[in-house]
Amino acid sequence: MFVIAAIVEACTWAALLVGMYVKYVPETTTVLVSIFGALHGAAFVAYLGATLFAASRLRWSWSLTVWALLASIPPFTTLVFEAIARRRGLLGDAEGTPDGA
């Protein structure tokens, strides 16, 4: 669930950036910002929830949890955090339980 939330959050960030480009550069429409803004807002909240759930289930430290939450702010950083966490074995096994548990 965490991985999916991280990917969706990053994709909606990209869509929102496209919408902002269309709104401010050619100044053609604001509809995309409205649509992608709402989608990104929902994805952002879902990522926060998935992060807190993963932190609890996988027994992350407070500092790791804070870093995961902070990753939701800059564009695409959720993908960076997810890749680092995966490489370090912090995402557990396929069932979402800590490795070795």
PDB file of N, CA and C in Angstrom:
ATOM      1  N   MET A   1       0.821  -1.189   0.000  1.00  0.00           N
ATOM      2  CA  MET A   1       0.000   0.000   0.000  1.00  0.00           C
ATOM      3  C   MET A   1       0.874   1.266   0.000  1.00  0.00           C
ATOM      4  N   PHE A   2       1.960   1.249   0.778  1.00  0.00           N
ATOM      5  CA  PHE A   2       2.839   2.413   0.837  1.00  0.00           C
ATOM      6  C   PHE A   2       3.449   2.721  -0.527  1.00  0.00           C
ATOM      7  N   VAL A   3       3.913   1.681  -1.200  1.00  0.00           N
ATOM      8  CA  VAL A   3       4.553   1.871  -2.512  1.00  0.00           C
ATOM      9  C   VAL A   3       3.565   2.461  -3.507  1.00  0.00           C
ATOM     10  N   ILE A   4       2.359   1.939  -3.533  1.00  0.00           N
ATOM     11  CA  ILE A   4       1.335   2.456  -4.448  1.00  0.00           C
ATOM     12  C   ILE A   4       1.029   3.910  -4.126  1.00  0.00           C
ATOM     13  N   ALA A   5       0.893   4.232  -2.841  1.00  0.00           N
ATOM     14  CA  ALA A   5       0.608   5.621  -2.440  1.00  0.00           C
ATOM     15  C   ALA A   5       1.740   6.550  -2.862  1.00  0.00           C
ATOM     16  N   ALA A   6       2.985   6.095  -2.727  1.00  0.00           N
ATOM     17  CA  ALA A   6       4.135   6.920  -3.121  1.00  0.00           C
ATOM     18  C   ALA A   6       4.131   7.193  -4.625  1.00  0.00           C
ATOM     19  N   ILE A   7       3.818   6.168  -5.409  1.00  0.00           N
ATOM     20  CA  ILE A   7       3.799   6.325  -6.875  1.00  0.00           C
ATOM     21  C   ILE A   7       2.648   7.224  -7.304  1.00  0.00           C
ATOM     22  N   VAL A   8       1.469   7.010  -6.747  1.00  0.00           N
ATOM     23  CA  VAL A   8       0.306   7.831  -7.105  1.00  0.00           C
ATOM     24  C   VAL A   8       0.535   9.286  -6.713  1.00  0.00           C
ATOM     25  N   GLU A   9       1.121   9.511  -5.539  1.00  0.00           N
ATOM     26  CA  GLU A   9       1.392  10.882  -5.089  1.00  0.00           C
ATOM     27  C   GLU A   9       2.322  11.585  -6.075  1.00  0.00           C
ATOM     28  N   ALA A  10       3.362  10.888  -6.523  1.00  0.00           N
ATOM     29  CA  ALA A  10       4.301  11.474  -7.486  1.00  0.00           C
ATOM     30  C   ALA A  10       3.633  11.726  -8.842  1.00  0.00           C
ATOM     31  N   CYS A  11       2.809  10.799  -9.296  1.00  0.00           N
ATOM     32  CA  CYS A  11       2.119  10.973 -10.586  1.00  0.00           C
ATOM     33  C   CYS A  11       1.151  12.152 -10.548  1.00  0.00           C
ATOM     34  N   THR A  12       0.439  12.299  -9.434  1.00  0.00           N
ATOM     35  CA  THR A  12      -0.486  13.432  -9.354  1.00  0.00           C
ATOM     36  C   THR A  12       0.274  14.749  -9.224  1.00  0.00           C
ATOM     37  N   TRP A  13       1.465  14.709  -8.634  1.00  0.00           N
ATOM     38  CA  TRP A  13       2.315  15.912  -8.616  1.00  0.00           C
ATOM     39  C   TRP A  13       2.649  16.305 -10.051  1.00  0.00           C
ATOM     40  N   ALA A  14       3.052  15.313 -10.849  1.00  0.00           N
ATOM     41  CA  ALA A  14       3.392  15.589 -12.250  1.00  0.00           C
ATOM     42  C   ALA A  14       2.195  16.169 -12.995  1.00  0.00           C
ATOM     43  N   ALA A  15       1.025  15.586 -12.789  1.00  0.00           N
ATOM     44  CA  ALA A  15      -0.182  16.088 -13.453  1.00  0.00           C
ATOM     45  C   ALA A  15      -0.490  17.513 -13.016  1.00  0.00           C
ATOM     46  N   LEU A  16      -0.336  17.794 -11.734  1.00  0.00           N
ATOM     47  CA  LEU A  16      -0.580  19.151 -11.241  1.00  0.00           C
ATOM     48  C   LEU A  16       0.416  20.143 -11.839  1.00  0.00           C
ATOM     49  N   LEU A  17       1.669  19.735 -11.969  1.00  0.00           N
ATOM     50  CA  LEU A  17       2.660  20.624 -12.594  1.00  0.00           C
ATOM     51  C   LEU A  17       2.311  20.907 -14.054  1.00  0.00           C
ATOM     52  N   VAL A  18       1.800  19.906 -14.764  1.00  0.00           N
ATOM     53  CA  VAL A  18       1.346  20.113 -16.146  1.00  0.00           C
ATOM     54  C   VAL A  18       0.185  21.104 -16.155  1.00  0.00           C
ATOM     55  N   GLY A  19      -0.755  20.908 -15.255  1.00  0.00           N
ATOM     56  CA  GLY A  19      -1.889  21.829 -15.160  1.00  0.00           C
ATOM     57  C   GLY A  19      -1.458  23.251 -14.867  1.00  0.00           C
ATOM     58  N   MET A  20      -0.473  23.403 -13.981  1.00  0.00           N
ATOM     59  CA  MET A  20       0.018  24.758 -13.660  1.00  0.00           C
ATOM     60  C   MET A  20       0.736  25.375 -14.856  1.00  0.00           C
ATOM     61  N   TYR A  21       1.467  24.554 -15.606  1.00  0.00           N
ATOM     62  CA  TYR A  21       2.112  25.052 -16.817  1.00  0.00           C
ATOM     63  C   TYR A  21       1.070  25.587 -17.798  1.00  0.00           C
ATOM     64  N   VAL A  22       0.023  24.786 -18.035  1.00  0.00           N
ATOM     65  CA  VAL A  22      -1.032  25.188 -18.978  1.00  0.00           C
ATOM     66  C   VAL A  22      -1.747  26.447 -18.478  1.00  0.00           C
ATOM     67  N   LYS A  23      -1.897  26.563 -17.190  1.00  0.00           N
ATOM     68  CA  LYS A  23      -2.589  27.726 -16.629  1.00  0.00           C
ATOM     69  C   LYS A  23      -1.758  29.001 -16.771  1.00  0.00           C
ATOM     70  N   TYR A  24      -0.460  28.901 -16.494  1.00  0.00           N
ATOM     71  CA  TYR A  24       0.350  30.125 -16.414  1.00  0.00           C
ATOM     72  C   TYR A  24       1.187  30.447 -17.643  1.00  0.00           C
ATOM     73  N   VAL A  25       1.575  29.456 -18.450  1.00  0.00           N
ATOM     74  CA  VAL A  25       2.429  29.764 -19.597  1.00  0.00           C
ATOM     75  C   VAL A  25       1.589  30.136 -20.816  1.00  0.00           C
ATOM     76  N   PRO A  26       0.825  29.234 -21.396  1.00  0.00           N
ATOM     77  CA  PRO A  26      -0.016  29.667 -22.517  1.00  0.00           C
ATOM     78  C   PRO A  26      -1.303  30.355 -22.057  1.00  0.00           C
ATOM     79  N   GLU A  27      -1.577  30.262 -20.748  1.00  0.00           N
ATOM     80  CA  GLU A  27      -2.761  30.889 -20.151  1.00  0.00           C
ATOM     81  C   GLU A  27      -4.044  30.494 -20.883  1.00  0.00           C
ATOM     82  N   THR A  28      -4.199  29.189 -21.108  1.00  0.00           N
ATOM     83  CA  THR A  28      -5.374  28.731 -21.847  1.00  0.00           C
ATOM     84  C   THR A  28      -6.528  28.295 -20.957  1.00  0.00           C
ATOM     85  N   THR A  29      -6.235  27.578 -19.875  1.00  0.00           N
ATOM     86  CA  THR A  29      -7.320  27.076 -19.036  1.00  0.00           C
ATOM     87  C   THR A  29      -6.840  26.849 -17.601  1.00  0.00           C
ATOM     88  N   THR A  30      -7.785  26.910 -16.684  1.00  0.00           N
ATOM     89  CA  THR A  30      -7.466  26.617 -15.281  1.00  0.00           C
ATOM     90  C   THR A  30      -8.109  25.313 -14.836  1.00  0.00           C
ATOM     91  N   VAL A  31      -8.828  24.671 -15.738  1.00  0.00           N
ATOM     92  CA  VAL A  31      -9.559  23.453 -15.394  1.00  0.00           C
ATOM     93  C   VAL A  31      -8.629  22.333 -14.934  1.00  0.00           C
ATOM     94  N   LEU A  32      -7.474  22.202 -15.571  1.00  0.00           N
ATOM     95  CA  LEU A  32      -6.552  21.132 -15.204  1.00  0.00           C
ATOM     96  C   LEU A  32      -6.046  21.284 -13.780  1.00  0.00           C
ATOM     97  N   VAL A  33      -5.802  22.520 -13.355  1.00  0.00           N
ATOM     98  CA  VAL A  33      -5.351  22.748 -11.980  1.00  0.00           C
ATOM     99  C   VAL A  33      -6.436  22.340 -10.999  1.00  0.00           C
ATOM    100  N   SER A  34      -7.665  22.632 -11.326  1.00  0.00           N
ATOM    101  CA  SER A  34      -8.768  22.238 -10.444  1.00  0.00           C
ATOM    102  C   SER A  34      -8.867  20.720 -10.325  1.00  0.00           C
ATOM    103  N   ILE A  35      -8.794  20.039 -11.437  1.00  0.00           N
ATOM    104  CA  ILE A  35      -8.917  18.577 -11.435  1.00  0.00           C
ATOM    105  C   ILE A  35      -7.700  17.934 -10.778  1.00  0.00           C
ATOM    106  N   PHE A  36      -6.507  18.282 -11.282  1.00  0.00           N
ATOM    107  CA  PHE A  36      -5.296  17.651 -10.770  1.00  0.00           C
ATOM    108  C   PHE A  36      -4.974  18.105  -9.350  1.00  0.00           C
ATOM    109  N   GLY A  37      -5.380  19.302  -8.996  1.00  0.00           N
ATOM    110  CA  GLY A  37      -5.189  19.771  -7.624  1.00  0.00           C
ATOM    111  C   GLY A  37      -5.979  18.929  -6.638  1.00  0.00           C
ATOM    112  N   ALA A  38      -7.222  18.636  -6.991  1.00  0.00           N
ATOM    113  CA  ALA A  38      -8.057  17.798  -6.122  1.00  0.00           C
ATOM    114  C   ALA A  38      -7.508  16.371  -6.048  1.00  0.00           C
ATOM    115  N   LEU A  39      -7.090  15.838  -7.189  1.00  0.00           N
ATOM    116  CA  LEU A  39      -6.519  14.490  -7.195  1.00  0.00           C
ATOM    117  C   LEU A  39      -5.241  14.427  -6.370  1.00  0.00           C
ATOM    118  N   HIS A  40      -4.404  15.446  -6.526  1.00  0.00           N
ATOM    119  CA  HIS A  40      -3.158  15.453  -5.768  1.00  0.00           C
ATOM    120  C   HIS A  40      -3.428  15.618  -4.271  1.00  0.00           C
ATOM    121  N   GLY A  41      -4.395  16.428  -3.927  1.00  0.00           N
ATOM    122  CA  GLY A  41      -4.744  16.579  -2.514  1.00  0.00           C
ATOM    123  C   GLY A  41      -5.168  15.253  -1.903  1.00  0.00           C
ATOM    124  N   ALA A  42      -5.982  14.502  -2.617  1.00  0.00           N
ATOM    125  CA  ALA A  42      -6.406  13.188  -2.134  1.00  0.00           C
ATOM    126  C   ALA A  42      -5.228  12.221  -2.054  1.00  0.00           C
ATOM    127  N   ALA A  43      -4.366  12.252  -3.062  1.00  0.00           N
ATOM    128  CA  ALA A  43      -3.199  11.367  -3.062  1.00  0.00           C
ATOM    129  C   ALA A  43      -2.233  11.726  -1.934  1.00  0.00           C
ATOM    130  N   PHE A  44      -2.095  13.004  -1.661  1.00  0.00           N
ATOM    131  CA  PHE A  44      -1.229  13.482  -0.578  1.00  0.00           C
ATOM    132  C   PHE A  44      -1.721  12.945   0.764  1.00  0.00           C
ATOM    133  N   VAL A  45      -3.016  13.069   1.010  1.00  0.00           N
ATOM    134  CA  VAL A  45      -3.595  12.580   2.265  1.00  0.00           C
ATOM    135  C   VAL A  45      -3.471  11.051   2.343  1.00  0.00           C
ATOM    136  N   ALA A  46      -3.696  10.373   1.232  1.00  0.00           N
ATOM    137  CA  ALA A  46      -3.555   8.912   1.208  1.00  0.00           C
ATOM    138  C   ALA A  46      -2.114   8.504   1.500  1.00  0.00           C
ATOM    139  N   TYR A  47      -1.144   9.233   0.947  1.00  0.00           N
ATOM    140  CA  TYR A  47       0.270   8.941   1.214  1.00  0.00           C
ATOM    141  C   TYR A  47       0.587   9.127   2.693  1.00  0.00           C
ATOM    142  N   LEU A  48       0.086  10.194   3.286  1.00  0.00           N
ATOM    143  CA  LEU A  48       0.323  10.410   4.715  1.00  0.00           C
ATOM    144  C   LEU A  48      -0.242   9.253   5.532  1.00  0.00           C
ATOM    145  N   GLY A  49      -1.457   8.825   5.204  1.00  0.00           N
ATOM    146  CA  GLY A  49      -2.065   7.704   5.903  1.00  0.00           C
ATOM    147  C   GLY A  49      -1.289   6.412   5.699  1.00  0.00           C
ATOM    148  N   ALA A  50      -0.883   6.150   4.464  1.00  0.00           N
ATOM    149  CA  ALA A  50      -0.116   4.934   4.161  1.00  0.00           C
ATOM    150  C   ALA A  50       1.236   4.955   4.874  1.00  0.00           C
ATOM    151  N   THR A  51       1.822   6.130   4.973  1.00  0.00           N
ATOM    152  CA  THR A  51       3.104   6.261   5.673  1.00  0.00           C
ATOM    153  C   THR A  51       2.946   5.939   7.150  1.00  0.00           C
ATOM    154  N   LEU A  52       1.926   6.495   7.779  1.00  0.00           N
ATOM    155  CA  LEU A  52       1.708   6.232   9.201  1.00  0.00           C
ATOM    156  C   LEU A  52       1.368   4.757   9.437  1.00  0.00           C
ATOM    157  N   PHE A  53       0.595   4.158   8.546  1.00  0.00           N
ATOM    158  CA  PHE A  53       0.263   2.741   8.656  1.00  0.00           C
ATOM    159  C   PHE A  53       1.524   1.889   8.512  1.00  0.00           C
ATOM    160  N   ALA A  54       2.349   2.192   7.474  1.00  0.00           N
ATOM    161  CA  ALA A  54       3.591   1.436   7.258  1.00  0.00           C
ATOM    162  C   ALA A  54       4.539   1.609   8.438  1.00  0.00           C
ATOM    163  N   ALA A  55       4.640   2.816   8.944  1.00  0.00           N
ATOM    164  CA  ALA A  55       5.540   3.081  10.074  1.00  0.00           C
ATOM    165  C   ALA A  55       5.138   2.247  11.285  1.00  0.00           C
ATOM    166  N   SER A  56       3.858   2.138  11.517  1.00  0.00           N
ATOM    167  CA  SER A  56       3.371   1.345  12.646  1.00  0.00           C
ATOM    168  C   SER A  56       3.587  -0.148  12.402  1.00  0.00           C
ATOM    169  N   ARG A  57       3.180  -0.596  11.243  1.00  0.00           N
ATOM    170  CA  ARG A  57       3.237  -2.033  10.914  1.00  0.00           C
ATOM    171  C   ARG A  57       4.672  -2.536  10.787  1.00  0.00           C
ATOM    172  N   LEU A  58       5.548  -1.694  10.211  1.00  0.00           N
ATOM    173  CA  LEU A  58       6.933  -2.102   9.961  1.00  0.00           C
ATOM    174  C   LEU A  58       7.889  -1.651  11.059  1.00  0.00           C
ATOM    175  N   ARG A  59       7.337  -1.019  12.086  1.00  0.00           N
ATOM    176  CA  ARG A  59       8.112  -0.579  13.254  1.00  0.00           C
ATOM    177  C   ARG A  59       9.252   0.369  12.883  1.00  0.00           C
ATOM    178  N   TRP A  60       8.914   1.374  12.065  1.00  0.00           N
ATOM    179  CA  TRP A  60       9.908   2.390  11.723  1.00  0.00           C
ATOM    180  C   TRP A  60      10.188   3.254  12.939  1.00  0.00           C
ATOM    181  N   SER A  61      11.387   3.807  12.993  1.00  0.00           N
ATOM    182  CA  SER A  61      11.725   4.768  14.049  1.00  0.00           C
ATOM    183  C   SER A  61      10.986   6.078  13.782  1.00  0.00           C
ATOM    184  N   TRP A  62      10.929   6.903  14.814  1.00  0.00           N
ATOM    185  CA  TRP A  62      10.281   8.212  14.635  1.00  0.00           C
ATOM    186  C   TRP A  62      10.991   9.041  13.576  1.00  0.00           C
ATOM    187  N   SER A  63      12.315   9.000  13.570  1.00  0.00           N
ATOM    188  CA  SER A  63      13.053   9.817  12.591  1.00  0.00           C
ATOM    189  C   SER A  63      12.793   9.342  11.166  1.00  0.00           C
ATOM    190  N   LEU A  64      12.751   8.027  10.957  1.00  0.00           N
ATOM    191  CA  LEU A  64      12.456   7.504   9.615  1.00  0.00           C
ATOM    192  C   LEU A  64      11.041   7.891   9.193  1.00  0.00           C
ATOM    193  N   THR A  65      10.111   7.823  10.129  1.00  0.00           N
ATOM    194  CA  THR A  65       8.727   8.207   9.838  1.00  0.00           C
ATOM    195  C   THR A  65       8.638   9.675   9.451  1.00  0.00           C
ATOM    196  N   VAL A  66       9.350  10.525  10.177  1.00  0.00           N
ATOM    197  CA  VAL A  66       9.354  11.958   9.856  1.00  0.00           C
ATOM    198  C   VAL A  66       9.942  12.186   8.464  1.00  0.00           C
ATOM    199  N   TRP A  67      11.036  11.492   8.130  1.00  0.00           N
ATOM    200  CA  TRP A  67      11.617  11.637   6.792  1.00  0.00           C
ATOM    201  C   TRP A  67      10.636  11.197   5.705  1.00  0.00           C
ATOM    202  N   ALA A  68       9.915  10.106   5.973  1.00  0.00           N
ATOM    203  CA  ALA A  68       8.924   9.624   4.999  1.00  0.00           C
ATOM    204  C   ALA A  68       7.812  10.645   4.818  1.00  0.00           C
ATOM    205  N   LEU A  69       7.362  11.247   5.915  1.00  0.00           N
ATOM    206  CA  LEU A  69       6.317  12.272   5.829  1.00  0.00           C
ATOM    207  C   LEU A  69       6.829  13.517   5.111  1.00  0.00           C
ATOM    208  N   LEU A  70       8.050  13.928   5.410  1.00  0.00           N
ATOM    209  CA  LEU A  70       8.628  15.102   4.744  1.00  0.00           C
ATOM    210  C   LEU A  70       8.820  14.864   3.243  1.00  0.00           C
ATOM    211  N   ALA A  71       8.998  13.609   2.850  1.00  0.00           N
ATOM    212  CA  ALA A  71       9.170  13.281   1.425  1.00  0.00           C
ATOM    213  C   ALA A  71       7.936  13.634   0.605  1.00  0.00           C
ATOM    214  N   SER A  72       6.810  13.834   1.267  1.00  0.00           N
ATOM    215  CA  SER A  72       5.578  14.150   0.534  1.00  0.00           C
ATOM    216  C   SER A  72       5.526  15.603   0.080  1.00  0.00           C
ATOM    217  N   ILE A  73       6.446  16.426   0.550  1.00  0.00           N
ATOM    218  CA  ILE A  73       6.361  17.860   0.244  1.00  0.00           C
ATOM    219  C   ILE A  73       7.032  18.225  -1.082  1.00  0.00           C
ATOM    220  N   PRO A  74       8.328  17.951  -1.290  1.00  0.00           N
ATOM    221  CA  PRO A  74       8.912  18.298  -2.599  1.00  0.00           C
ATOM    222  C   PRO A  74       8.407  17.349  -3.689  1.00  0.00           C
ATOM    223  N   PRO A  75       8.233  17.837  -4.891  1.00  0.00           N
ATOM    224  CA  PRO A  75       7.756  16.967  -5.974  1.00  0.00           C
ATOM    225  C   PRO A  75       8.665  15.750  -6.186  1.00  0.00           C
ATOM    226  N   PHE A  76       8.051  14.586  -6.316  1.00  0.00           N
ATOM    227  CA  PHE A  76       8.691  13.326  -6.674  1.00  0.00           C
ATOM    228  C   PHE A  76       9.592  12.720  -5.600  1.00  0.00           C
ATOM    229  N   THR A  77       9.669  13.333  -4.435  1.00  0.00           N
ATOM    230  CA  THR A  77      10.544  12.823  -3.388  1.00  0.00           C
ATOM    231  C   THR A  77       9.990  11.554  -2.756  1.00  0.00           C
ATOM    232  N   THR A  78       8.689  11.315  -2.880  1.00  0.00           N
ATOM    233  CA  THR A  78       8.140  10.056  -2.374  1.00  0.00           C
ATOM    234  C   THR A  78       8.760   8.872  -3.110  1.00  0.00           C
ATOM    235  N   LEU A  79       9.045   9.053  -4.395  1.00  0.00           N
ATOM    236  CA  LEU A  79       9.685   7.986  -5.164  1.00  0.00           C
ATOM    237  C   LEU A  79      11.111   7.748  -4.693  1.00  0.00           C
ATOM    238  N   VAL A  80      11.816   8.823  -4.382  1.00  0.00           N
ATOM    239  CA  VAL A  80      13.190   8.711  -3.882  1.00  0.00           C
ATOM    240  C   VAL A  80      13.186   7.986  -2.537  1.00  0.00           C
ATOM    241  N   PHE A  81      12.299   8.411  -1.632  1.00  0.00           N
ATOM    242  CA  PHE A  81      12.229   7.764  -0.327  1.00  0.00           C
ATOM    243  C   PHE A  81      11.877   6.285  -0.473  1.00  0.00           C
ATOM    244  N   GLU A  82      10.908   5.971  -1.317  1.00  0.00           N
ATOM    245  CA  GLU A  82      10.492   4.582  -1.508  1.00  0.00           C
ATOM    246  C   GLU A  82      11.655   3.739  -2.033  1.00  0.00           C
ATOM    247  N   ALA A  83      12.425   4.266  -2.978  1.00  0.00           N
ATOM    248  CA  ALA A  83      13.562   3.524  -3.532  1.00  0.00           C
ATOM    249  C   ALA A  83      14.628   3.278  -2.471  1.00  0.00           C
ATOM    250  N   ILE A  84      14.912   4.290  -1.670  1.00  0.00           N
ATOM    251  CA  ILE A  84      15.907   4.132  -0.603  1.00  0.00           C
ATOM    252  C   ILE A  84      15.411   3.137   0.442  1.00  0.00           C
ATOM    253  N   ALA A  85      14.147   3.261   0.834  1.00  0.00           N
ATOM    254  CA  ALA A  85      13.584   2.357   1.835  1.00  0.00           C
ATOM    255  C   ALA A  85      13.590   0.916   1.319  1.00  0.00           C
ATOM    256  N   ARG A  86      13.258   0.726   0.060  1.00  0.00           N
ATOM    257  CA  ARG A  86      13.265  -0.617  -0.529  1.00  0.00           C
ATOM    258  C   ARG A  86      14.684  -1.187  -0.538  1.00  0.00           C
ATOM    259  N   ARG A  87      15.648  -0.379  -0.970  1.00  0.00           N
ATOM    260  CA  ARG A  87      17.037  -0.833  -1.054  1.00  0.00           C
ATOM    261  C   ARG A  87      17.580  -1.217   0.327  1.00  0.00           C
ATOM    262  N   ARG A  88      17.140  -0.508   1.364  1.00  0.00           N
ATOM    263  CA  ARG A  88      17.614  -0.779   2.733  1.00  0.00           C
ATOM    264  C   ARG A  88      16.771  -1.826   3.460  1.00  0.00           C
ATOM    265  N   GLY A  89      15.777  -2.385   2.775  1.00  0.00           N
ATOM    266  CA  GLY A  89      14.957  -3.430   3.362  1.00  0.00           C
ATOM    267  C   GLY A  89      13.967  -2.932   4.399  1.00  0.00           C
ATOM    268  N   LEU A  90      13.552  -1.674   4.294  1.00  0.00           N
ATOM    269  CA  LEU A  90      12.657  -1.072   5.278  1.00  0.00           C
ATOM    270  C   LEU A  90      11.179  -1.248   4.940  1.00  0.00           C
ATOM    271  N   LEU A  91      10.881  -1.860   3.798  1.00  0.00           N
ATOM    272  CA  LEU A  91       9.485  -2.017   3.398  1.00  0.00           C
ATOM    273  C   LEU A  91       8.929  -3.398   3.730  1.00  0.00           C
ATOM    274  N   GLY A  92       9.734  -4.241   4.355  1.00  0.00           N
ATOM    275  CA  GLY A  92       9.246  -5.549   4.764  1.00  0.00           C
ATOM    276  C   GLY A  92       9.079  -6.489   3.595  1.00  0.00           C
ATOM    277  N   ASP A  93       8.336  -7.566   3.837  1.00  0.00           N
ATOM    278  CA  ASP A  93       8.089  -8.537   2.787  1.00  0.00           C
ATOM    279  C   ASP A  93       6.813  -8.187   2.024  1.00  0.00           C
ATOM    280  N   ALA A  94       6.374  -9.068   1.175  1.00  0.00           N
ATOM    281  CA  ALA A  94       5.206  -8.799   0.324  1.00  0.00           C
ATOM    282  C   ALA A  94       3.939  -8.567   1.131  1.00  0.00           C
ATOM    283  N   GLU A  95       3.846  -9.142   2.333  1.00  0.00           N
ATOM    284  CA  GLU A  95       2.643  -8.965   3.158  1.00  0.00           C
ATOM    285  C   GLU A  95       2.711  -7.704   4.004  1.00  0.00           C
ATOM    286  N   GLY A  96       3.824  -6.987   3.951  1.00  0.00           N
ATOM    287  CA  GLY A  96       3.939  -5.768   4.727  1.00  0.00           C
ATOM    288  C   GLY A  96       4.374  -5.995   6.163  1.00  0.00           C
ATOM    289  N   THR A  97       4.941  -7.169   6.422  1.00  0.00           N
ATOM    290  CA  THR A  97       5.459  -7.419   7.761  1.00  0.00           C
ATOM    291  C   THR A  97       6.963  -7.244   7.748  1.00  0.00           C
ATOM    292  N   PRO A  98       7.551  -6.852   8.865  1.00  0.00           N
ATOM    293  CA  PRO A  98       8.997  -6.639   8.888  1.00  0.00           C
ATOM    294  C   PRO A  98       9.743  -7.912   8.491  1.00  0.00           C
ATOM    295  N   ASP A  99      10.844  -7.745   7.781  1.00  0.00           N
ATOM    296  CA  ASP A  99      11.657  -8.893   7.403  1.00  0.00           C
ATOM    297  C   ASP A  99      12.129  -9.612   8.652  1.00  0.00           C
ATOM    298  N   GLY A 100      12.022 -10.929   8.613  1.00  0.00           N
ATOM    299  CA  GLY A 100      12.471 -11.719   9.746  1.00  0.00           C
ATOM    300  C   GLY A 100      11.458 -11.854  10.859  1.00  0.00           C
ATOM    301  N   ALA A 101      10.254 -11.300  10.688  1.00  0.00           N
ATOM    302  CA  ALA A 101       9.239 -11.383  11.756  1.00  0.00           C
ATOM    303  C   ALA A 101       8.365 -12.589  11.570  1.00  0.00           C
TER     304      ALA A 101
END
